[in-house]
Protein backbone atom coordinates (compact mmCIF):
# COMPACT_ATOMS: atom_id res chain seq x y z
CA UNK A 1 35.45 13.28 4.38
CA UNK A 2 34.22 16.85 5.73
CA UNK A 3 32.97 16.89 9.08
CA UNK A 4 30.68 19.79 8.10
CA UNK A 5 29.25 18.50 4.63
CA UNK A 6 26.86 21.08 4.89
CA UNK A 7 26.74 24.89 6.40
CA UNK A 8 24.27 26.79 6.32
CA UNK A 9 24.11 30.52 4.72
CA UNK A 10 21.53 31.67 7.72
CA UNK A 11 19.62 29.58 10.67
CA UNK A 12 16.43 30.17 11.97
CA UNK A 13 15.12 28.87 15.91
CA UNK A 14 12.13 28.72 17.49
CA UNK A 15 12.34 30.30 20.98
CA UNK A 16 11.60 27.15 22.68
CA UNK A 17 14.24 25.19 21.20
CA UNK A 18 16.86 26.92 23.19
CA UNK A 19 15.10 25.08 26.07
CA UNK A 20 16.70 21.90 25.03
CA UNK A 21 20.34 20.98 25.66
CA UNK A 22 20.41 20.34 21.94
CA UNK A 23 19.33 23.37 20.97
CA UNK A 24 21.93 25.31 22.55
CA UNK A 25 24.78 22.68 21.22
CA UNK A 26 23.46 23.89 18.00
CA UNK A 27 23.51 27.47 18.19
CA UNK A 28 26.68 27.30 19.86
CA UNK A 29 27.88 25.13 17.12
CA UNK A 30 26.62 27.70 14.17
CA UNK A 31 27.74 30.68 16.02
CA UNK A 32 31.30 29.37 16.04
CA UNK A 33 30.76 28.65 11.85
CA UNK A 34 29.97 32.15 11.79
CA UNK A 35 26.44 31.19 10.03
CA UNK A 36 23.92 34.24 10.95
CA UNK A 37 21.00 33.32 13.27
CA UNK A 38 17.04 34.99 13.40
CA UNK A 39 14.63 34.25 15.11
CA UNK A 40 11.24 32.38 13.84
CA UNK A 41 8.12 31.91 15.44
CA UNK A 42 7.42 28.46 13.55
CA UNK A 43 9.05 25.82 11.76
CA UNK A 44 6.60 25.79 9.44
CA UNK A 45 6.42 29.14 8.14
CA UNK A 46 9.28 30.83 7.79
CA UNK A 47 9.96 34.37 6.57
CA UNK A 48 13.04 35.97 5.80
CA UNK A 49 14.15 33.52 3.09
CA UNK A 50 15.56 35.40 0.33
CA UNK A 51 14.52 35.02 -3.18
CA UNK A 52 12.88 36.38 -6.08
CA UNK A 53 13.03 33.49 -8.85
CA UNK A 54 12.14 30.14 -8.85
CA UNK A 55 15.48 29.55 -9.10
CA UNK A 56 16.46 31.92 -6.17
CA UNK A 57 14.19 30.33 -3.93
CA UNK A 58 14.94 26.78 -4.58
CA UNK A 59 18.65 27.45 -3.88
CA UNK A 60 18.57 30.38 -0.75
CA UNK A 61 15.72 27.31 0.94
CA UNK A 62 18.92 24.94 0.39
CA UNK A 63 21.31 26.99 2.01
CA UNK A 64 18.69 27.60 5.15
CA UNK A 65 18.81 25.31 8.59
CA UNK A 66 15.31 25.60 10.35
CA UNK A 67 15.58 24.12 14.42
CA UNK A 68 12.67 23.80 15.79
CA UNK A 69 10.67 21.58 18.52
CA UNK A 70 8.62 19.06 16.76
CA UNK A 71 5.30 19.36 18.15
CA UNK A 72 2.73 16.89 16.15
CA UNK A 73 2.29 13.23 18.54
CA UNK A 74 1.37 11.22 15.41
CA UNK A 75 3.98 9.70 12.83
CA UNK A 76 3.09 9.32 9.20
CA UNK A 77 2.28 5.56 7.79
CA UNK A 78 5.34 4.68 5.71
CA UNK A 79 4.01 1.41 3.48
CA UNK A 80 5.13 -0.39 1.85
CA UNK A 81 8.72 0.12 2.86
CA UNK A 82 8.17 0.65 6.79
CA UNK A 83 5.04 1.19 8.79
CA UNK A 84 6.13 4.35 9.84
CA UNK A 85 8.29 7.33 9.27
CA UNK A 86 10.77 8.38 12.14
CA UNK A 87 10.43 12.56 11.87
CA UNK A 88 14.06 13.04 12.66
CA UNK A 89 14.60 16.03 9.78
CA UNK A 90 13.44 17.45 7.04
CA UNK A 91 14.78 18.09 3.62
CA UNK A 92 18.01 17.94 1.99
CA UNK A 93 21.02 20.02 0.69
CA UNK A 94 21.52 18.12 -2.72
CA UNK A 95 20.28 19.86 -5.40
CA UNK A 96 19.21 16.38 -7.36
CA UNK A 97 16.90 17.85 -10.75
CA UNK A 98 14.70 14.97 -10.71
CA UNK A 99 14.09 14.91 -6.62
CA UNK A 100 10.35 14.21 -5.59
CA UNK A 101 11.25 16.95 -2.77
CA UNK A 102 11.67 19.05 -5.15
CA UNK A 103 7.91 19.22 -6.05
CA UNK A 104 6.59 18.24 -1.97
CA UNK A 105 8.80 20.40 0.21
CA UNK A 106 7.13 24.27 -1.81
CA UNK A 107 9.08 26.67 -3.42
CA UNK A 108 11.72 27.35 -0.50
CA UNK A 109 12.93 23.62 0.48
CA UNK A 110 14.91 24.62 3.30
CA UNK A 111 16.34 21.98 6.22
CA UNK A 112 14.59 21.42 9.33
CA UNK A 113 16.17 19.51 12.09
CA UNK A 114 14.12 18.77 15.77
CA UNK A 115 15.66 19.25 19.13
CA UNK A 116 13.48 17.42 21.44
CA UNK A 117 14.54 13.97 20.19
CA UNK A 118 14.41 12.29 23.71
CA UNK A 119 10.31 13.13 23.18
CA UNK A 120 10.29 11.86 19.88
CA UNK A 121 11.89 8.36 20.16
CA UNK A 122 10.08 8.19 23.55
CA UNK A 123 6.70 8.05 21.28
CA UNK A 124 8.69 5.56 18.90
CA UNK A 125 8.81 3.47 22.05
CA UNK A 126 4.94 3.87 22.55
CA UNK A 127 4.60 2.73 19.01
CA UNK A 128 6.41 -0.36 18.92
CA UNK A 129 4.89 -1.29 22.23
CA UNK A 130 1.22 -1.10 20.75
CA UNK A 131 2.38 -4.20 18.34
CA UNK A 132 4.44 -6.24 20.32
CA UNK A 133 5.31 -8.88 19.77
CA UNK A 134 5.10 -7.86 15.88
CA UNK A 135 8.08 -6.12 15.11
CA UNK A 136 7.39 -2.58 14.11
CA UNK A 137 9.46 -1.20 11.25
CA UNK A 138 10.85 3.07 10.95
CA UNK A 139 11.86 4.85 7.55
CA UNK A 140 13.97 8.00 8.92
CA UNK A 141 14.61 9.22 5.40
CA UNK A 142 11.04 9.36 3.84
CA UNK A 143 10.84 13.24 3.43
CA UNK A 144 14.78 14.24 4.53
CA UNK A 145 18.46 12.74 4.11
CA UNK A 146 19.44 12.63 7.77
CA UNK A 147 23.05 12.33 7.36
CA UNK A 148 23.98 16.14 6.40
CA UNK A 149 22.71 17.84 9.31
CA UNK A 150 24.58 14.55 11.73
CA UNK A 151 27.14 16.90 12.96
CA UNK A 152 24.98 19.42 14.38
CA UNK A 153 22.36 17.23 15.81
CA UNK A 154 23.71 13.63 17.04
CA UNK A 155 20.20 12.92 16.01
CA UNK A 156 20.41 9.60 13.80
CA UNK A 157 22.96 8.36 16.00
CA UNK A 158 20.59 8.14 19.35
CA UNK A 159 18.17 7.02 17.01
CA UNK A 160 20.67 4.03 15.84
CA UNK A 161 21.38 3.08 19.95
CA UNK A 162 17.90 3.57 20.78
CA UNK A 163 17.18 0.55 18.36
CA UNK A 164 20.10 -1.54 19.36
CA UNK A 165 18.45 -1.89 22.58
CA UNK A 166 14.87 -2.90 20.84
CA UNK A 167 13.73 -6.46 20.59
CA UNK A 168 10.73 -5.18 18.09
CA UNK A 169 11.95 -2.32 16.65
CA UNK A 170 13.68 -1.76 13.40
CA UNK A 171 15.33 1.01 11.82
CA UNK A 172 16.24 2.22 8.15
CA UNK A 173 17.10 5.09 6.71
CA UNK A 174 18.72 6.03 3.27
CA UNK A 175 21.86 8.65 2.07
CA UNK A 176 23.90 10.18 -0.74
CA UNK A 177 25.85 11.57 2.09
CA UNK A 178 29.52 10.26 3.02
CA UNK A 179 30.20 11.83 6.74
CA UNK A 180 29.71 8.48 8.52
CA UNK A 181 32.28 8.12 10.84
CA UNK A 182 30.52 9.28 13.80
CA UNK A 183 27.91 5.89 13.11
CA UNK A 184 30.84 3.26 12.55
CA UNK A 185 31.48 2.49 16.35
CA UNK A 186 27.65 2.41 17.81
CA UNK A 187 26.00 -0.26 19.20
CA UNK A 188 23.36 -1.00 16.59
CA UNK A 189 23.16 -4.45 16.96
CA UNK A 190 22.37 -5.19 13.63
CA UNK A 191 18.81 -3.65 13.81
CA UNK A 192 19.37 -0.46 11.45
CA UNK A 193 19.62 -1.21 7.77
CA UNK A 194 22.00 1.39 6.74
CA UNK A 195 21.11 2.16 2.74
CA UNK A 196 22.69 4.11 0.49
CA UNK A 197 21.34 5.84 -2.74
CA UNK A 198 23.66 5.20 -5.97
CA UNK A 199 23.51 5.85 -9.47
CA UNK A 200 26.23 5.70 -12.64
CA UNK A 201 28.59 8.32 -12.88
CA UNK A 202 26.95 10.19 -15.74
CA UNK A 203 23.51 10.47 -13.61
CA UNK A 204 25.36 11.80 -10.52
CA UNK A 205 27.65 14.36 -12.37
CA UNK A 206 25.13 15.46 -14.72
CA UNK A 207 22.24 15.54 -12.53
CA UNK A 208 22.86 15.04 -8.32
CA UNK A 209 24.31 18.34 -8.09
CA UNK A 210 26.06 19.00 -4.83
CA UNK A 211 26.28 15.76 -3.41
CA UNK A 212 28.90 13.49 -3.27
CA UNK A 213 30.42 11.16 -6.01
CA UNK A 214 29.81 7.44 -6.54
CA UNK A 215 33.23 6.78 -5.52
CA UNK A 216 33.03 8.40 -2.60
CA UNK A 217 29.37 6.97 -1.70
CA UNK A 218 31.04 3.21 -2.30
CA UNK A 219 33.85 4.16 -0.09
CA UNK A 220 31.54 5.13 2.82
CA UNK A 221 29.40 2.24 1.84
CA UNK A 222 32.58 -0.08 2.40
CA UNK A 223 33.19 1.35 5.99
CA UNK A 224 29.71 0.72 7.39
CA UNK A 225 29.64 -2.62 5.90
CA UNK A 226 33.08 -3.17 8.12
CA UNK A 227 30.69 -1.94 10.87
CA UNK A 228 28.45 -4.95 10.07
CA UNK A 229 24.92 -2.85 10.11
CA UNK A 230 23.03 -4.38 7.30
CA UNK A 231 23.19 -2.89 4.48
CA UNK A 232 21.21 -1.71 1.21
CA UNK A 233 21.66 0.23 -1.73
CA UNK A 234 19.19 2.02 -4.02
CA UNK A 235 19.66 2.33 -7.83
CA UNK A 236 17.71 4.80 -9.12
CA UNK A 237 16.09 6.47 -10.65
CA UNK A 238 17.65 4.10 -13.60
CA UNK A 239 18.03 6.67 -17.04
CA UNK A 240 18.79 5.46 -20.22
CA UNK A 241 21.62 7.10 -22.27
CA UNK A 242 24.01 5.94 -24.72
CA UNK A 243 26.26 3.67 -22.18
CA UNK A 244 24.36 3.00 -19.20
CA UNK A 245 24.79 -0.73 -19.37
CA UNK A 246 28.48 -0.73 -18.93
CA UNK A 247 28.10 2.05 -16.41
CA UNK A 248 25.95 0.37 -14.31
CA UNK A 249 27.76 -3.14 -14.51
CA UNK A 250 30.58 -1.11 -13.06
CA UNK A 251 28.82 0.26 -10.30
CA UNK A 252 28.53 -3.24 -9.05
CA UNK A 253 31.98 -4.63 -9.58
CA UNK A 254 33.10 -1.59 -7.99
CA UNK A 255 30.93 -1.98 -4.85
CA UNK A 256 31.54 -5.64 -4.91
CA UNK A 257 34.91 -5.03 -4.51
CA UNK A 258 34.71 -2.46 -1.84
CA UNK A 259 32.64 -4.37 0.44
CA UNK A 260 33.10 -6.42 3.17
CA UNK A 261 32.10 -10.22 1.95
CA UNK A 262 30.34 -10.22 5.99
CA UNK A 263 28.02 -7.64 4.28
CA UNK A 264 26.86 -10.15 1.24
CA UNK A 265 24.27 -12.34 2.56
CA UNK A 266 22.16 -9.31 4.23
CA UNK A 267 22.24 -7.05 0.86
CA UNK A 268 19.21 -5.85 -0.29
CA UNK A 269 18.73 -3.64 -3.67
CA UNK A 270 15.90 -1.61 -4.58
CA UNK A 271 15.62 -0.66 -7.83
CA UNK A 272 13.72 2.41 -9.06
CA UNK A 273 13.60 3.41 -12.88
CA UNK A 274 13.37 7.01 -13.96
CA UNK A 275 9.62 8.67 -13.97
CA UNK A 276 7.88 12.21 -13.37
CA UNK A 277 4.63 13.60 -13.07
CA UNK A 278 3.41 17.13 -14.93
CA UNK A 279 3.67 18.94 -11.58
CA UNK A 280 7.41 17.65 -10.94
CA UNK A 281 7.92 18.40 -14.77
CA UNK A 282 7.18 21.86 -14.38
CA UNK A 283 8.73 22.58 -11.28
CA UNK A 284 11.65 21.00 -12.62
CA UNK A 285 11.74 23.48 -15.41
CA UNK A 286 11.39 26.44 -13.74
CA UNK A 287 14.54 26.07 -11.28
CA UNK A 288 16.59 23.81 -14.20
CA UNK A 289 15.93 25.03 -17.27
CA UNK A 290 18.88 23.74 -18.79
CA UNK A 291 17.80 20.33 -17.55
CA UNK A 292 18.82 17.25 -19.88
CA UNK A 293 16.30 14.98 -17.57
CA UNK A 294 14.36 12.94 -20.44
CA UNK A 295 10.78 14.36 -20.14
CA UNK A 296 9.52 13.66 -23.31
CA UNK A 297 5.48 12.57 -22.89
CA UNK A 298 5.36 11.16 -26.14
CA UNK A 299 8.03 8.45 -25.03
CA UNK A 300 6.37 7.23 -21.83
CA UNK A 301 3.13 5.35 -20.74
CA UNK A 302 1.25 7.05 -18.20
CA UNK A 303 -0.17 5.45 -15.51
CA UNK A 304 -2.02 7.07 -12.30
CA UNK A 305 -0.87 6.56 -9.20
CA UNK A 306 -2.40 5.37 -5.50
CA UNK A 307 -2.59 9.40 -4.70
CA UNK A 308 -4.97 10.08 -7.90
CA UNK A 309 -2.57 11.71 -10.05
CA UNK A 310 -0.67 10.03 -12.81
CA UNK A 311 2.71 9.74 -13.52
CA UNK A 312 5.35 9.02 -17.07
CA UNK A 313 6.92 5.89 -16.77
CA UNK A 314 8.85 3.88 -19.68
CA UNK A 315 6.84 2.01 -21.85
CA UNK A 316 6.62 -1.42 -20.61
CA UNK A 317 8.69 -3.57 -22.68
CA UNK A 318 11.80 -0.91 -22.23
CA UNK A 319 11.19 -1.41 -18.17
CA UNK A 320 10.75 -5.26 -18.87
CA UNK A 321 14.36 -5.27 -20.42
CA UNK A 322 15.97 -2.83 -17.73
CA UNK A 323 14.60 -5.52 -14.97
CA UNK A 324 16.15 -8.34 -16.98
CA UNK A 325 19.67 -6.67 -17.10
CA UNK A 326 18.93 -5.12 -13.03
CA UNK A 327 18.28 -9.05 -11.91
CA UNK A 328 21.12 -10.33 -14.42
CA UNK A 329 23.99 -8.26 -13.05
CA UNK A 330 22.63 -9.09 -9.00
CA UNK A 331 22.62 -12.40 -10.06
CA UNK A 332 25.86 -12.79 -10.95
CA UNK A 333 27.62 -10.22 -9.08
CA UNK A 334 25.70 -10.19 -5.80
CA UNK A 335 23.98 -13.74 -5.52
CA UNK A 336 23.56 -13.61 -2.16
CA UNK A 337 21.63 -10.38 -2.18
CA UNK A 338 17.78 -9.57 -1.83
CA UNK A 339 16.53 -7.53 -4.34
CA UNK A 340 13.69 -5.65 -2.52
CA UNK A 341 11.82 -4.18 -5.51
CA UNK A 342 12.34 -2.79 -8.81
CA UNK A 343 9.72 -0.14 -10.25
């Protein structure tokens, strides 16, 4: 497994980042890797990323790392899966054609990391203290995959150890990446749920560009299970195609054979069927004009969402049959596991 699953083509630093030891460390590491470095007055408004077409802007954005100081003192809510988003990083180097970040991070979806981790965790402590004796849950991957930039920052490890000391705080995050070795020997005390986003070989190979293979992800999940983290899996987006039942079943069987049996009683599964908005479809077609994602509105049902815009879902009957198939697989192969939701 590569020590650096992500090496940017360029990096931008806010001037204040070098006042922090972590900022200096990231700067030295990028210099050693030969990454060109420029200054930017704000991590929210970065100029100098090349690209004229939608495709160029997208790919050059993915190849750009911005190092900043997080100044906001408030965390966004993250219901229903957690109480708050924990802002360790923003963005992802993966180029998944369907990803919702394609529409939320703008035309140049650069990656962002924050150097003031101690201040971020101090704020996290305040949120935990406010709700004592209730448990407060934080999501570390609401707008990112935090694992690819972990070799630069170590922020995920610091956060996991922080929650390992918390009686009333819990942490969860999800990843498609596999550089897990630096996290295996931490004192997590089962306070962090380590989740992997999995899909069939067909979906990964066809739509999840620049991400590890299914086999690599399952191998990494096996290592995490041996480290006795509470483990979870997001299966999505579920896409129907000829032979999908056989491939998804194969996924579950390989998972069962790889994970430590100690992980089974605490396993969770989250299932998400494929859906899209009109805005997302237009942006996907701009960046991936040859995409084979199934986005024919005539074959979908339209449903208004909680944020005032609608999504195109599979028809109710299709979702019902998909749900029946996947819940049967879990009942047979992982009878100890909990299904958090199927949408």
